[in-house]
Protein backbone atom coordinates (compact mmCIF):
# COMPACT_ATOMS: atom_id res chain seq x y z
CA MET A 1 7.46 -156.53 22.90
CA GLU A 2 8.44 -157.69 19.41
CA TRP A 3 6.66 -161.02 19.79
CA LYS A 4 3.57 -159.31 21.21
CA ARG A 5 3.53 -156.91 18.26
CA ARG A 6 3.78 -159.77 15.79
CA VAL A 7 0.90 -161.65 17.46
CA ALA A 8 -1.23 -158.49 17.29
CA GLU A 9 -0.44 -158.11 13.59
CA ARG A 10 -1.39 -161.73 12.90
CA PHE A 11 -4.57 -161.31 14.94
CA ARG A 12 -5.64 -158.31 12.85
CA GLU A 13 -4.81 -160.14 9.61
CA VAL A 14 -7.25 -162.85 10.69
CA ASN A 15 -10.00 -160.68 12.25
CA GLY A 16 -9.72 -157.33 10.53
CA GLU A 17 -9.69 -153.91 12.17
CA HIS A 18 -12.71 -153.48 14.41
CA PRO A 19 -12.96 -151.28 17.54
CA MET A 20 -13.44 -152.85 20.96
CA THR A 21 -16.01 -150.94 23.00
CA ALA A 22 -16.13 -150.68 26.78
CA ALA A 23 -18.85 -153.34 26.75
CA ASP A 24 -16.64 -155.62 24.63
CA ASP A 25 -13.73 -155.12 27.02
CA ALA A 26 -15.92 -155.93 30.04
CA TYR A 27 -17.24 -159.06 28.36
CA VAL A 28 -13.86 -160.50 27.38
CA SER A 29 -12.35 -159.61 30.78
CA GLY A 30 -15.06 -161.72 32.39
CA GLN A 31 -14.80 -164.66 29.99
CA PHE A 32 -11.07 -164.81 29.22
CA VAL A 33 -7.70 -164.23 30.89
CA VAL A 34 -4.73 -162.05 29.97
CA LEU A 35 -1.99 -164.15 28.33
CA ASP A 36 0.72 -162.71 30.58
CA GLU A 37 -1.32 -163.56 33.67
CA LEU A 38 -2.00 -167.10 32.49
CA CYS A 39 1.69 -167.63 31.83
CA ALA A 40 2.64 -166.24 35.24
CA ALA A 41 0.17 -168.62 36.89
CA THR A 42 1.43 -171.66 34.96
CA GLY A 43 5.18 -170.86 34.98
CA ARG A 44 5.38 -170.23 31.21
CA ASP A 45 7.34 -167.60 29.34
CA PRO A 46 4.78 -165.43 27.49
CA ASP A 47 7.10 -164.97 24.51
CA ASP A 48 7.55 -168.74 24.22
CA VAL A 49 3.77 -169.07 24.01
CA ARG A 50 3.60 -166.24 21.44
CA ARG A 51 6.22 -168.00 19.31
CA LEU A 52 4.13 -171.17 19.42
CA MET A 53 1.14 -169.16 18.25
CA LEU A 54 3.08 -167.71 15.33
CA ASP A 55 4.51 -171.17 14.50
CA ARG A 56 0.91 -172.50 14.26
CA ARG A 57 1.29 -174.80 17.26
CA LEU A 58 -1.11 -172.93 19.55
CA PRO A 59 -4.15 -170.79 18.70
CA LEU A 60 -4.01 -167.03 18.51
CA PRO A 61 -5.72 -164.99 21.23
CA GLY A 62 -9.48 -164.92 21.08
CA TYR A 63 -9.50 -161.12 21.46
CA LEU A 64 -7.22 -158.12 21.75
CA ARG A 65 -8.67 -155.89 24.42
CA SER A 66 -8.65 -152.16 23.64
CA ASP A 67 -5.60 -151.74 25.89
CA GLY A 68 -3.73 -154.29 23.76
CA ALA A 69 -4.00 -157.18 26.24
CA GLU A 70 -4.04 -160.59 24.53
CA MET A 71 -7.15 -162.34 25.87
CA VAL A 72 -7.03 -166.15 25.83
CA PRO A 73 -9.17 -168.93 27.32
CA ALA A 74 -8.07 -170.16 30.72
CA ASP A 75 -7.54 -173.64 29.24
CA LEU A 76 -5.40 -172.38 26.35
CA LEU A 77 -2.60 -174.86 27.14
CA ALA A 78 -4.80 -177.81 28.19
CA LEU A 79 -5.17 -179.45 24.78
CA ALA A 80 -1.44 -179.35 24.09
CA GLU A 81 -0.84 -181.01 27.44
CA ARG A 82 -3.40 -183.73 26.61
CA ALA A 83 -1.73 -184.30 23.26
CA GLY A 84 1.73 -184.68 24.78
CA GLY A 85 3.05 -181.24 23.90
CA PRO A 86 2.55 -178.52 21.26
CA GLU A 87 4.61 -180.44 18.71
CA ARG A 88 2.09 -183.30 18.85
CA LEU A 89 -1.06 -181.24 19.06
CA ALA A 90 -1.79 -180.92 15.32
CA ASP A 91 -1.76 -184.67 14.63
CA TRP A 92 -3.72 -185.39 17.81
CA PHE A 93 -6.33 -182.76 16.98
CA VAL A 94 -6.79 -183.73 13.30
CA GLY A 95 -7.07 -187.38 14.30
CA HIS A 96 -10.46 -186.73 15.92
CA TRP A 97 -12.09 -186.48 12.46
CA ALA A 98 -12.61 -189.47 10.21
CA ASP A 99 -11.99 -187.24 7.19
CA PRO A 100 -8.41 -185.86 7.50
CA ALA A 101 -9.28 -182.94 5.20
CA GLN A 102 -12.04 -181.86 7.53
CA GLY A 103 -9.73 -182.31 10.46
CA VAL A 104 -7.18 -179.97 8.85
CA THR A 105 -9.91 -177.41 8.19
CA GLU A 106 -10.98 -177.52 11.83
CA TRP A 107 -7.34 -177.28 12.91
CA ASP A 108 -6.97 -174.09 10.87
CA GLY A 109 -10.09 -172.70 12.51
CA TYR A 110 -8.78 -173.64 15.95
CA LEU A 111 -5.42 -171.91 15.32
CA SER A 112 -7.22 -168.71 14.25
CA GLY A 113 -8.44 -168.20 17.82
CA ARG A 114 -11.94 -167.55 16.46
CA TYR A 115 -13.51 -170.50 18.29
CA VAL A 116 -14.79 -168.05 20.88
CA CYS A 117 -18.19 -169.66 20.22
CA LEU A 118 -17.41 -172.39 22.75
CA ARG A 119 -16.90 -172.21 26.48
CA SER A 120 -14.25 -174.94 26.17
CA VAL A 121 -12.61 -175.60 22.81
CA THR A 122 -11.93 -179.28 22.22
CA PRO A 123 -12.40 -181.53 19.18
CA ASP A 124 -15.42 -183.10 20.90
CA SER A 125 -17.08 -179.75 21.63
CA ILE A 126 -16.39 -178.48 18.09
CA ARG A 127 -17.97 -181.57 16.56
CA ARG A 128 -20.96 -181.46 18.90
CA LYS A 129 -21.58 -177.78 18.15
CA ASP A 130 -21.61 -178.55 14.42
CA GLU A 131 -24.04 -181.44 14.97
CA LEU A 132 -26.36 -179.31 17.09
CA THR A 133 -26.45 -176.30 14.78
CA ALA A 134 -27.09 -178.56 11.76
CA ALA A 135 -29.93 -180.34 13.59
CA ILE A 136 -31.50 -177.07 14.78
CA ARG A 137 -31.36 -175.52 11.30
CA SER A 138 -32.94 -178.59 9.69
CA ALA A 139 -35.62 -179.03 12.37
CA PRO A 140 -38.32 -177.00 10.52
CA ASP A 141 -38.11 -179.52 7.65
CA GLU A 142 -38.94 -182.52 9.83
CA PRO A 143 -42.28 -184.26 9.05
CA ASP A 144 -43.76 -183.52 12.47
CA ALA A 145 -42.53 -179.92 12.69
CA GLY A 146 -44.72 -177.88 15.00
CA SER A 147 -45.96 -180.83 17.05
CA ALA A 148 -45.51 -181.09 20.79
CA ALA A 149 -42.96 -183.90 20.43
CA TRP A 150 -41.00 -181.89 17.85
CA SER A 151 -40.96 -178.89 20.18
CA VAL A 152 -39.51 -180.98 22.99
CA ARG A 153 -36.77 -182.34 20.71
CA LEU A 154 -35.96 -178.89 19.33
CA HIS A 155 -35.65 -177.28 22.74
CA ALA A 156 -33.45 -180.11 23.99
CA LEU A 157 -31.06 -179.34 21.11
CA VAL A 158 -31.19 -175.59 21.76
CA ASP A 159 -30.61 -176.06 25.50
CA GLU A 160 -27.55 -178.21 24.83
CA LEU A 161 -26.12 -175.66 22.42
CA ASP A 162 -26.88 -172.89 24.95
CA ALA A 163 -24.77 -174.77 27.52
CA LEU A 164 -21.83 -175.05 25.08
CA GLU A 165 -21.79 -171.46 23.93
CA PRO A 166 -21.01 -168.21 25.77
CA ALA A 167 -22.98 -165.01 25.20
CA PHE A 168 -20.69 -163.42 22.53
CA THR A 169 -20.22 -159.68 22.29
CA GLY A 170 -20.73 -156.91 19.72
CA TYR A 171 -17.16 -157.21 18.43
CA ASP A 172 -17.90 -160.79 17.36
CA ARG A 173 -20.72 -159.69 15.10
CA LEU A 174 -18.37 -157.26 13.41
CA ARG A 175 -15.51 -159.69 12.77
CA PHE A 176 -17.82 -162.53 11.75
CA GLY A 177 -19.75 -160.20 9.47
CA GLY A 178 -23.19 -160.91 10.90
CA PRO A 179 -25.15 -162.73 13.59
CA THR A 180 -23.51 -165.43 15.70
CA SER A 181 -24.70 -169.03 16.03
CA ARG A 182 -26.19 -168.10 19.39
CA ASP A 183 -28.21 -165.35 17.66
CA THR A 184 -29.55 -167.69 14.97
CA CYS A 185 -29.71 -171.08 16.68
CA VAL A 186 -30.56 -170.20 20.27
CA ASP A 187 -32.14 -166.78 20.70
CA ALA A 188 -34.01 -166.65 17.37
CA VAL A 189 -35.26 -170.21 17.67
CA ARG A 190 -36.57 -169.63 21.18
CA ALA A 191 -38.32 -166.48 20.04
CA ARG A 192 -39.82 -168.15 16.97
CA HIS A 193 -40.80 -171.39 18.69
CA PRO A 194 -41.61 -170.67 22.35
CA ARG A 195 -41.24 -173.60 24.70
CA ARG A 196 -44.59 -175.28 25.21
CA ALA A 197 -45.98 -175.44 28.70
CA ALA A 198 -46.06 -178.92 30.18
CA VAL A 199 -49.44 -180.54 29.75
CA THR A 200 -50.81 -182.04 32.93
CA GLY A 201 -53.70 -184.40 33.29
CA PRO A 202 -57.03 -183.55 34.96
CA GLY A 203 -57.02 -183.28 38.72
CA PRO A 204 -58.64 -185.96 40.91
CA LEU A 205 -62.43 -186.24 40.88
CA ARG A 206 -64.15 -184.75 43.90
């Protein structure tokens, strides 16, 4: 229990103290798995995984459910396996960015467990999310903004981001201090710029 307590303390240092509602619990139970259950299914010792989290070799849980369960993505261990083990994960991860300083920044974000904004957290998905959100936010400044072609391009970006991101929950808006990227770059954009109906040509002459 000591290692679990220490992980919970680190989690709260990163995320602050915010209550998890019944709706939050239901959401995370549907989207994530309990760390102990993941370890049982993969033959891992949960305390070994917790030590790796505290040693900054694996990310912290994405959520602490209101009953104290550490909720993690089902693929929590997949990146470390791809990298050749937790001891190699940092260098492998940072190496996906041309700018090492940016890679280190993204690594810190990954370790925080706060990349709950992605269905699957990988360097490629992190980079693509950043590209998509930047493109969506800058779209209103494009020369042909408001045109039919612009609308098609915009909604293609939004649809791709939609596929990358889960729904989020109320707890996320508390710990992030405001709306999520889904709120601002998917839901708000679709509401502000409704998808245009496909234009069809005239029917055959009769």
